[in-house]
Amino acid sequence: MVSGRFAVNTASSMEFVDITANLQRIIDDNDVDSGLLVAYNPHTTAGITINEGADPAVQSDLIGILQHIIPLEFPYKHLEGNSPSHMMATLTGSSVTVIIENGRLLLGTWQRIFFCEYDGPRNRKVWWKILGG
């Protein structure tokens, strides 16, 4: 088993950052042929998800629908001003697990792994662990 972390720096208040290449590079650097990769986000106002990466409009639409579902203005009791970010992070979740086969992340044709920023811009991190190998 190998594990580590890497930085994700976001530039907007809400954005999806494609981290697929970062994770594939980790697999390549550790010469992993098969196993599982777990990517975990230790932040309560950000998430990680797998979705389409070919058309950037998908990420924009996802952010738009999250903003539609979760109102920015609501009588939130948490008064830090980032309550909607906590709600959005709950919907996307804090980790993904992906199968590694023949040294590659086993993703669908259009799938990419995204770090989901909901309270940026910030300097974030992603923790990862590879099981197997």
N, C-alpha and C. Protein backbone atom coordinates (compact mmCIF):
# COMPACT_ATOMS: atom_id res chain seq x y z
N MET A 1 0.84 -1.19 0.00
CA MET A 1 0.00 0.00 0.00
C MET A 1 0.88 1.24 0.00
N VAL A 2 0.51 2.19 -0.83
CA VAL A 2 1.19 3.48 -0.85
C VAL A 2 0.13 4.56 -0.67
N SER A 3 0.55 5.68 -0.10
CA SER A 3 -0.39 6.78 0.11
C SER A 3 0.36 8.10 0.08
N GLY A 4 -0.41 9.18 -0.02
CA GLY A 4 0.19 10.50 -0.04
C GLY A 4 -0.87 11.57 -0.19
N ARG A 5 -0.42 12.73 -0.61
CA ARG A 5 -1.34 13.85 -0.83
C ARG A 5 -0.75 14.77 -1.88
N PHE A 6 -1.63 15.57 -2.47
CA PHE A 6 -1.18 16.59 -3.40
C PHE A 6 -2.08 17.81 -3.26
N ALA A 7 -1.55 18.95 -3.69
CA ALA A 7 -2.26 20.23 -3.56
C ALA A 7 -3.19 20.45 -4.75
N VAL A 8 -4.31 21.11 -4.46
CA VAL A 8 -5.24 21.59 -5.49
C VAL A 8 -5.51 23.05 -5.14
N ASN A 9 -5.11 23.93 -6.03
CA ASN A 9 -5.34 25.37 -5.81
C ASN A 9 -6.47 25.81 -6.72
N THR A 10 -7.51 26.38 -6.12
CA THR A 10 -8.67 26.79 -6.90
C THR A 10 -8.65 28.30 -7.07
N ALA A 11 -9.27 28.74 -8.17
CA ALA A 11 -9.23 30.16 -8.53
C ALA A 11 -10.59 30.84 -8.43
N SER A 12 -11.67 30.06 -8.28
CA SER A 12 -13.02 30.62 -8.26
C SER A 12 -13.75 30.20 -6.99
N SER A 13 -14.87 30.86 -6.74
CA SER A 13 -15.67 30.49 -5.57
C SER A 13 -16.25 29.09 -5.73
N MET A 14 -16.64 28.74 -6.96
CA MET A 14 -17.14 27.39 -7.25
C MET A 14 -16.57 26.94 -8.57
N GLU A 15 -15.91 25.79 -8.55
CA GLU A 15 -15.36 25.24 -9.78
C GLU A 15 -15.06 23.76 -9.60
N PHE A 16 -15.00 23.06 -10.72
CA PHE A 16 -14.59 21.66 -10.74
C PHE A 16 -13.20 21.61 -11.36
N VAL A 17 -12.25 21.00 -10.65
CA VAL A 17 -10.87 20.89 -11.11
C VAL A 17 -10.61 19.42 -11.46
N ASP A 18 -10.23 19.16 -12.69
CA ASP A 18 -9.96 17.80 -13.14
C ASP A 18 -8.63 17.33 -12.52
N ILE A 19 -8.69 16.31 -11.69
CA ILE A 19 -7.49 15.78 -11.02
C ILE A 19 -7.13 14.38 -11.53
N THR A 20 -7.75 13.97 -12.64
CA THR A 20 -7.52 12.63 -13.17
C THR A 20 -6.04 12.40 -13.50
N ALA A 21 -5.42 13.35 -14.18
CA ALA A 21 -4.01 13.19 -14.57
C ALA A 21 -3.10 13.10 -13.34
N ASN A 22 -3.40 13.87 -12.30
CA ASN A 22 -2.61 13.79 -11.07
C ASN A 22 -2.64 12.37 -10.50
N LEU A 23 -3.85 11.79 -10.47
CA LEU A 23 -4.01 10.46 -9.90
C LEU A 23 -3.38 9.39 -10.79
N GLN A 24 -3.50 9.52 -12.10
CA GLN A 24 -2.86 8.56 -13.01
C GLN A 24 -1.35 8.63 -12.88
N ARG A 25 -0.81 9.84 -12.72
CA ARG A 25 0.63 10.00 -12.55
C ARG A 25 1.12 9.27 -11.29
N ILE A 26 0.33 9.31 -10.23
CA ILE A 26 0.68 8.61 -8.99
C ILE A 26 0.76 7.10 -9.25
N ILE A 27 -0.20 6.58 -9.99
CA ILE A 27 -0.20 5.16 -10.34
C ILE A 27 1.05 4.83 -11.16
N ASP A 28 1.36 5.66 -12.15
CA ASP A 28 2.54 5.46 -12.99
C ASP A 28 3.82 5.52 -12.16
N ASP A 29 3.94 6.53 -11.30
CA ASP A 29 5.15 6.72 -10.49
C ASP A 29 5.39 5.57 -9.53
N ASN A 30 4.31 4.91 -9.11
CA ASN A 30 4.42 3.80 -8.15
C ASN A 30 4.35 2.44 -8.82
N ASP A 31 4.34 2.43 -10.16
CA ASP A 31 4.37 1.20 -10.95
C ASP A 31 3.30 0.20 -10.49
N VAL A 32 2.08 0.71 -10.34
CA VAL A 32 0.96 -0.11 -9.88
C VAL A 32 0.25 -0.70 -11.11
N ASP A 33 0.08 -2.02 -11.11
CA ASP A 33 -0.59 -2.70 -12.23
C ASP A 33 -2.08 -2.89 -11.96
N SER A 34 -2.44 -3.25 -10.73
CA SER A 34 -3.85 -3.46 -10.41
C SER A 34 -4.10 -3.17 -8.94
N GLY A 35 -5.34 -2.84 -8.64
CA GLY A 35 -5.72 -2.54 -7.27
C GLY A 35 -6.85 -1.54 -7.25
N LEU A 36 -6.91 -0.79 -6.17
CA LEU A 36 -7.91 0.26 -6.00
C LEU A 36 -7.21 1.55 -5.61
N LEU A 37 -7.67 2.63 -6.17
CA LEU A 37 -7.20 3.95 -5.76
C LEU A 37 -8.35 4.66 -5.05
N VAL A 38 -8.06 5.15 -3.86
CA VAL A 38 -9.03 5.95 -3.12
C VAL A 38 -8.50 7.38 -3.08
N ALA A 39 -9.32 8.33 -3.52
CA ALA A 39 -8.98 9.76 -3.43
C ALA A 39 -9.95 10.38 -2.44
N TYR A 40 -9.41 11.06 -1.44
CA TYR A 40 -10.21 11.60 -0.34
C TYR A 40 -9.94 13.09 -0.19
N ASN A 41 -11.00 13.83 0.03
CA ASN A 41 -10.93 15.27 0.22
C ASN A 41 -11.21 15.58 1.70
N PRO A 42 -10.24 16.12 2.44
CA PRO A 42 -10.44 16.36 3.87
C PRO A 42 -11.09 17.71 4.20
N HIS A 43 -11.80 18.30 3.27
CA HIS A 43 -12.38 19.63 3.47
C HIS A 43 -13.91 19.54 3.51
N THR A 44 -14.53 20.32 4.38
CA THR A 44 -15.98 20.24 4.55
C THR A 44 -16.75 21.13 3.59
N THR A 45 -16.07 21.94 2.82
CA THR A 45 -16.76 22.80 1.84
C THR A 45 -16.29 22.52 0.42
N ALA A 46 -15.86 21.28 0.19
CA ALA A 46 -15.44 20.83 -1.13
C ALA A 46 -15.78 19.36 -1.25
N GLY A 47 -15.78 18.85 -2.48
CA GLY A 47 -16.11 17.45 -2.70
C GLY A 47 -15.22 16.84 -3.76
N ILE A 48 -15.47 15.57 -4.03
CA ILE A 48 -14.82 14.86 -5.13
C ILE A 48 -15.91 14.05 -5.82
N THR A 49 -15.89 14.05 -7.14
CA THR A 49 -16.88 13.30 -7.89
C THR A 49 -16.29 12.80 -9.20
N ILE A 50 -16.97 11.86 -9.82
CA ILE A 50 -16.62 11.38 -11.16
C ILE A 50 -17.77 11.77 -12.08
N ASN A 51 -17.43 12.40 -13.20
CA ASN A 51 -18.45 12.77 -14.16
C ASN A 51 -17.79 13.01 -15.51
N GLU A 52 -18.57 13.47 -16.48
CA GLU A 52 -18.07 13.69 -17.82
C GLU A 52 -17.02 14.80 -17.84
N GLY A 53 -15.93 14.55 -18.56
CA GLY A 53 -14.89 15.56 -18.67
C GLY A 53 -14.68 16.08 -20.07
N ALA A 54 -15.40 15.54 -21.06
CA ALA A 54 -15.20 15.96 -22.44
C ALA A 54 -15.81 17.32 -22.73
N ASP A 55 -16.94 17.61 -22.13
CA ASP A 55 -17.65 18.87 -22.38
C ASP A 55 -17.67 19.68 -21.10
N PRO A 56 -16.95 20.81 -21.04
CA PRO A 56 -16.91 21.63 -19.83
C PRO A 56 -18.27 22.17 -19.41
N ALA A 57 -19.22 22.16 -20.32
CA ALA A 57 -20.57 22.63 -19.98
C ALA A 57 -21.20 21.73 -18.91
N VAL A 58 -20.79 20.46 -18.86
CA VAL A 58 -21.33 19.56 -17.84
C VAL A 58 -20.97 20.06 -16.44
N GLN A 59 -19.72 20.45 -16.25
CA GLN A 59 -19.30 20.96 -14.93
C GLN A 59 -20.04 22.25 -14.60
N SER A 60 -20.19 23.12 -15.56
CA SER A 60 -20.93 24.36 -15.36
C SER A 60 -22.38 24.07 -15.01
N ASP A 61 -22.99 23.13 -15.71
CA ASP A 61 -24.37 22.75 -15.42
C ASP A 61 -24.50 22.15 -14.03
N LEU A 62 -23.54 21.33 -13.62
CA LEU A 62 -23.59 20.74 -12.29
C LEU A 62 -23.54 21.82 -11.21
N ILE A 63 -22.64 22.78 -11.37
CA ILE A 63 -22.58 23.89 -10.41
C ILE A 63 -23.89 24.66 -10.41
N GLY A 64 -24.43 24.92 -11.59
CA GLY A 64 -25.69 25.64 -11.70
C GLY A 64 -26.84 24.93 -11.01
N ILE A 65 -26.94 23.62 -11.21
CA ILE A 65 -28.04 22.88 -10.59
C ILE A 65 -27.86 22.80 -9.08
N LEU A 66 -26.62 22.67 -8.61
CA LEU A 66 -26.38 22.69 -7.16
C LEU A 66 -26.79 24.03 -6.56
N GLN A 67 -26.49 25.12 -7.26
CA GLN A 67 -26.91 26.44 -6.79
C GLN A 67 -28.43 26.59 -6.82
N HIS A 68 -29.07 25.90 -7.74
CA HIS A 68 -30.53 25.93 -7.82
C HIS A 68 -31.16 25.12 -6.68
N ILE A 69 -30.59 23.96 -6.41
CA ILE A 69 -31.11 23.08 -5.35
C ILE A 69 -30.85 23.65 -3.97
N ILE A 70 -29.67 24.22 -3.79
CA ILE A 70 -29.25 24.72 -2.47
C ILE A 70 -29.20 26.24 -2.53
N PRO A 71 -30.13 26.89 -1.90
CA PRO A 71 -30.18 28.36 -1.97
C PRO A 71 -28.99 29.01 -1.29
N LEU A 72 -28.46 30.04 -1.94
CA LEU A 72 -27.38 30.81 -1.32
C LEU A 72 -27.91 31.64 -0.16
N GLU A 73 -29.16 32.06 -0.29
CA GLU A 73 -29.83 32.81 0.78
C GLU A 73 -30.87 31.92 1.42
N PHE A 74 -30.72 31.68 2.71
CA PHE A 74 -31.61 30.81 3.47
C PHE A 74 -31.33 31.13 4.94
N PRO A 75 -32.28 30.93 5.81
CA PRO A 75 -31.98 31.22 7.22
C PRO A 75 -31.07 30.16 7.86
N TYR A 76 -29.86 30.04 7.32
CA TYR A 76 -28.89 29.08 7.87
C TYR A 76 -28.51 29.48 9.29
N LYS A 77 -28.34 28.50 10.14
CA LYS A 77 -27.92 28.75 11.52
C LYS A 77 -26.39 28.86 11.63
N HIS A 78 -25.70 28.20 10.74
CA HIS A 78 -24.24 28.30 10.67
C HIS A 78 -23.92 29.67 10.05
N LEU A 79 -23.29 30.53 10.80
CA LEU A 79 -23.19 31.94 10.41
C LEU A 79 -21.85 32.34 9.79
N GLU A 80 -21.04 31.38 9.38
CA GLU A 80 -19.76 31.70 8.76
C GLU A 80 -19.92 32.24 7.35
N GLY A 81 -21.08 32.07 6.77
CA GLY A 81 -21.32 32.55 5.42
C GLY A 81 -21.08 31.52 4.33
N ASN A 82 -20.70 30.31 4.72
CA ASN A 82 -20.43 29.29 3.71
C ASN A 82 -21.32 28.06 3.88
N SER A 83 -22.47 28.24 4.49
CA SER A 83 -23.39 27.11 4.68
C SER A 83 -23.75 26.39 3.39
N PRO A 84 -24.07 27.12 2.29
CA PRO A 84 -24.38 26.40 1.05
C PRO A 84 -23.23 25.49 0.60
N SER A 85 -22.00 25.90 0.86
CA SER A 85 -20.84 25.09 0.48
C SER A 85 -20.83 23.76 1.22
N HIS A 86 -21.19 23.79 2.49
CA HIS A 86 -21.26 22.55 3.27
C HIS A 86 -22.33 21.62 2.70
N MET A 87 -23.47 22.18 2.32
CA MET A 87 -24.56 21.37 1.77
C MET A 87 -24.15 20.75 0.43
N MET A 88 -23.52 21.53 -0.43
CA MET A 88 -23.08 21.03 -1.74
C MET A 88 -22.05 19.92 -1.58
N ALA A 89 -21.13 20.10 -0.63
CA ALA A 89 -20.10 19.09 -0.38
C ALA A 89 -20.72 17.78 0.08
N THR A 90 -21.79 17.87 0.84
CA THR A 90 -22.48 16.66 1.28
C THR A 90 -23.07 15.92 0.09
N LEU A 91 -23.59 16.66 -0.88
CA LEU A 91 -24.20 16.00 -2.05
C LEU A 91 -23.16 15.32 -2.95
N THR A 92 -21.99 15.93 -3.13
CA THR A 92 -20.99 15.30 -4.00
C THR A 92 -20.15 14.28 -3.26
N GLY A 93 -20.07 14.37 -1.95
CA GLY A 93 -19.30 13.40 -1.18
C GLY A 93 -17.84 13.80 -1.06
N SER A 94 -17.12 13.05 -0.23
CA SER A 94 -15.74 13.42 0.08
C SER A 94 -14.70 12.45 -0.47
N SER A 95 -15.13 11.40 -1.18
CA SER A 95 -14.13 10.47 -1.73
C SER A 95 -14.68 9.72 -2.93
N VAL A 96 -13.75 9.18 -3.70
CA VAL A 96 -14.09 8.25 -4.79
C VAL A 96 -13.11 7.08 -4.71
N THR A 97 -13.56 5.95 -5.16
CA THR A 97 -12.72 4.75 -5.27
C THR A 97 -12.78 4.29 -6.72
N VAL A 98 -11.61 4.07 -7.32
CA VAL A 98 -11.55 3.69 -8.73
C VAL A 98 -10.66 2.46 -8.85
N ILE A 99 -11.10 1.51 -9.68
CA ILE A 99 -10.32 0.31 -9.96
C ILE A 99 -9.12 0.67 -10.84
N ILE A 100 -7.99 0.06 -10.53
CA ILE A 100 -6.79 0.18 -11.37
C ILE A 100 -6.61 -1.16 -12.07
N GLU A 101 -6.52 -1.13 -13.39
CA GLU A 101 -6.33 -2.35 -14.16
C GLU A 101 -5.33 -2.08 -15.27
N ASN A 102 -4.33 -2.96 -15.38
CA ASN A 102 -3.26 -2.78 -16.38
C ASN A 102 -2.60 -1.42 -16.26
N GLY A 103 -2.42 -0.95 -15.04
CA GLY A 103 -1.72 0.31 -14.78
C GLY A 103 -2.53 1.56 -15.10
N ARG A 104 -3.83 1.43 -15.36
CA ARG A 104 -4.66 2.57 -15.73
C ARG A 104 -5.88 2.66 -14.82
N LEU A 105 -6.32 3.87 -14.57
CA LEU A 105 -7.60 4.06 -13.88
C LEU A 105 -8.70 3.51 -14.77
N LEU A 106 -9.56 2.69 -14.23
CA LEU A 106 -10.62 2.07 -15.02
C LEU A 106 -11.84 3.00 -15.00
N LEU A 107 -11.78 4.00 -15.89
CA LEU A 107 -12.85 4.99 -16.02
C LEU A 107 -13.55 4.79 -17.36
N GLY A 108 -14.81 5.21 -17.43
CA GLY A 108 -15.54 5.18 -18.68
C GLY A 108 -14.94 6.16 -19.67
N THR A 109 -15.31 6.03 -20.92
CA THR A 109 -14.75 6.83 -22.01
C THR A 109 -14.73 8.32 -21.71
N TRP A 110 -15.80 8.84 -21.16
CA TRP A 110 -15.92 10.28 -20.96
C TRP A 110 -15.67 10.69 -19.51
N GLN A 111 -15.43 9.72 -18.63
CA GLN A 111 -15.31 10.03 -17.21
C GLN A 111 -13.97 10.65 -16.84
N ARG A 112 -14.05 11.60 -15.90
CA ARG A 112 -12.88 12.23 -15.29
C ARG A 112 -13.18 12.36 -13.79
N ILE A 113 -12.14 12.52 -13.01
CA ILE A 113 -12.29 12.70 -11.57
C ILE A 113 -12.09 14.18 -11.26
N PHE A 114 -13.04 14.76 -10.55
CA PHE A 114 -13.03 16.20 -10.28
C PHE A 114 -12.97 16.51 -8.79
N PHE A 115 -12.11 17.46 -8.44
CA PHE A 115 -12.18 18.10 -7.13
C PHE A 115 -13.20 19.22 -7.27
N CYS A 116 -14.18 19.26 -6.38
CA CYS A 116 -15.30 20.20 -6.48
C CYS A 116 -15.14 21.29 -5.42
N GLU A 117 -14.79 22.46 -5.85
CA GLU A 117 -14.63 23.61 -4.94
C GLU A 117 -15.96 24.35 -4.81
N TYR A 118 -16.37 24.56 -3.56
CA TYR A 118 -17.62 25.30 -3.30
C TYR A 118 -17.42 26.53 -2.42
N ASP A 119 -16.18 26.78 -1.99
CA ASP A 119 -15.92 27.87 -1.05
C ASP A 119 -14.56 28.49 -1.33
N GLY A 120 -14.30 28.74 -2.58
CA GLY A 120 -12.97 29.22 -2.97
C GLY A 120 -12.93 30.70 -3.20
N PRO A 121 -11.81 31.13 -3.73
CA PRO A 121 -10.62 30.34 -4.05
C PRO A 121 -9.86 29.93 -2.79
N ARG A 122 -9.25 28.77 -2.86
CA ARG A 122 -8.51 28.23 -1.71
C ARG A 122 -7.35 27.34 -2.16
N ASN A 123 -6.47 27.09 -1.22
CA ASN A 123 -5.42 26.09 -1.39
C ASN A 123 -5.89 24.84 -0.66
N ARG A 124 -6.13 23.80 -1.40
CA ARG A 124 -6.71 22.57 -0.85
C ARG A 124 -5.72 21.42 -1.01
N LYS A 125 -6.12 20.28 -0.50
CA LYS A 125 -5.31 19.08 -0.70
C LYS A 125 -6.23 17.89 -0.92
N VAL A 126 -5.69 16.91 -1.61
CA VAL A 126 -6.35 15.62 -1.81
C VAL A 126 -5.43 14.55 -1.25
N TRP A 127 -5.97 13.69 -0.41
CA TRP A 127 -5.23 12.56 0.11
C TRP A 127 -5.59 11.35 -0.74
N TRP A 128 -4.63 10.47 -0.95
CA TRP A 128 -4.87 9.28 -1.77
C TRP A 128 -4.19 8.06 -1.16
N LYS A 129 -4.75 6.91 -1.50
CA LYS A 129 -4.16 5.63 -1.07
C LYS A 129 -4.43 4.62 -2.16
N ILE A 130 -3.42 3.79 -2.45
CA ILE A 130 -3.58 2.70 -3.40
C ILE A 130 -3.55 1.39 -2.63
N LEU A 131 -4.58 0.60 -2.82
CA LEU A 131 -4.68 -0.72 -2.20
C LEU A 131 -4.41 -1.77 -3.27
N GLY A 132 -3.54 -2.68 -2.98
CA GLY A 132 -3.17 -3.68 -3.97
C GLY A 132 -1.87 -3.30 -4.63
N GLY A 133 -1.71 -3.74 -5.84
CA GLY A 133 -0.51 -3.38 -6.58
C GLY A 133 0.38 -4.50 -6.70
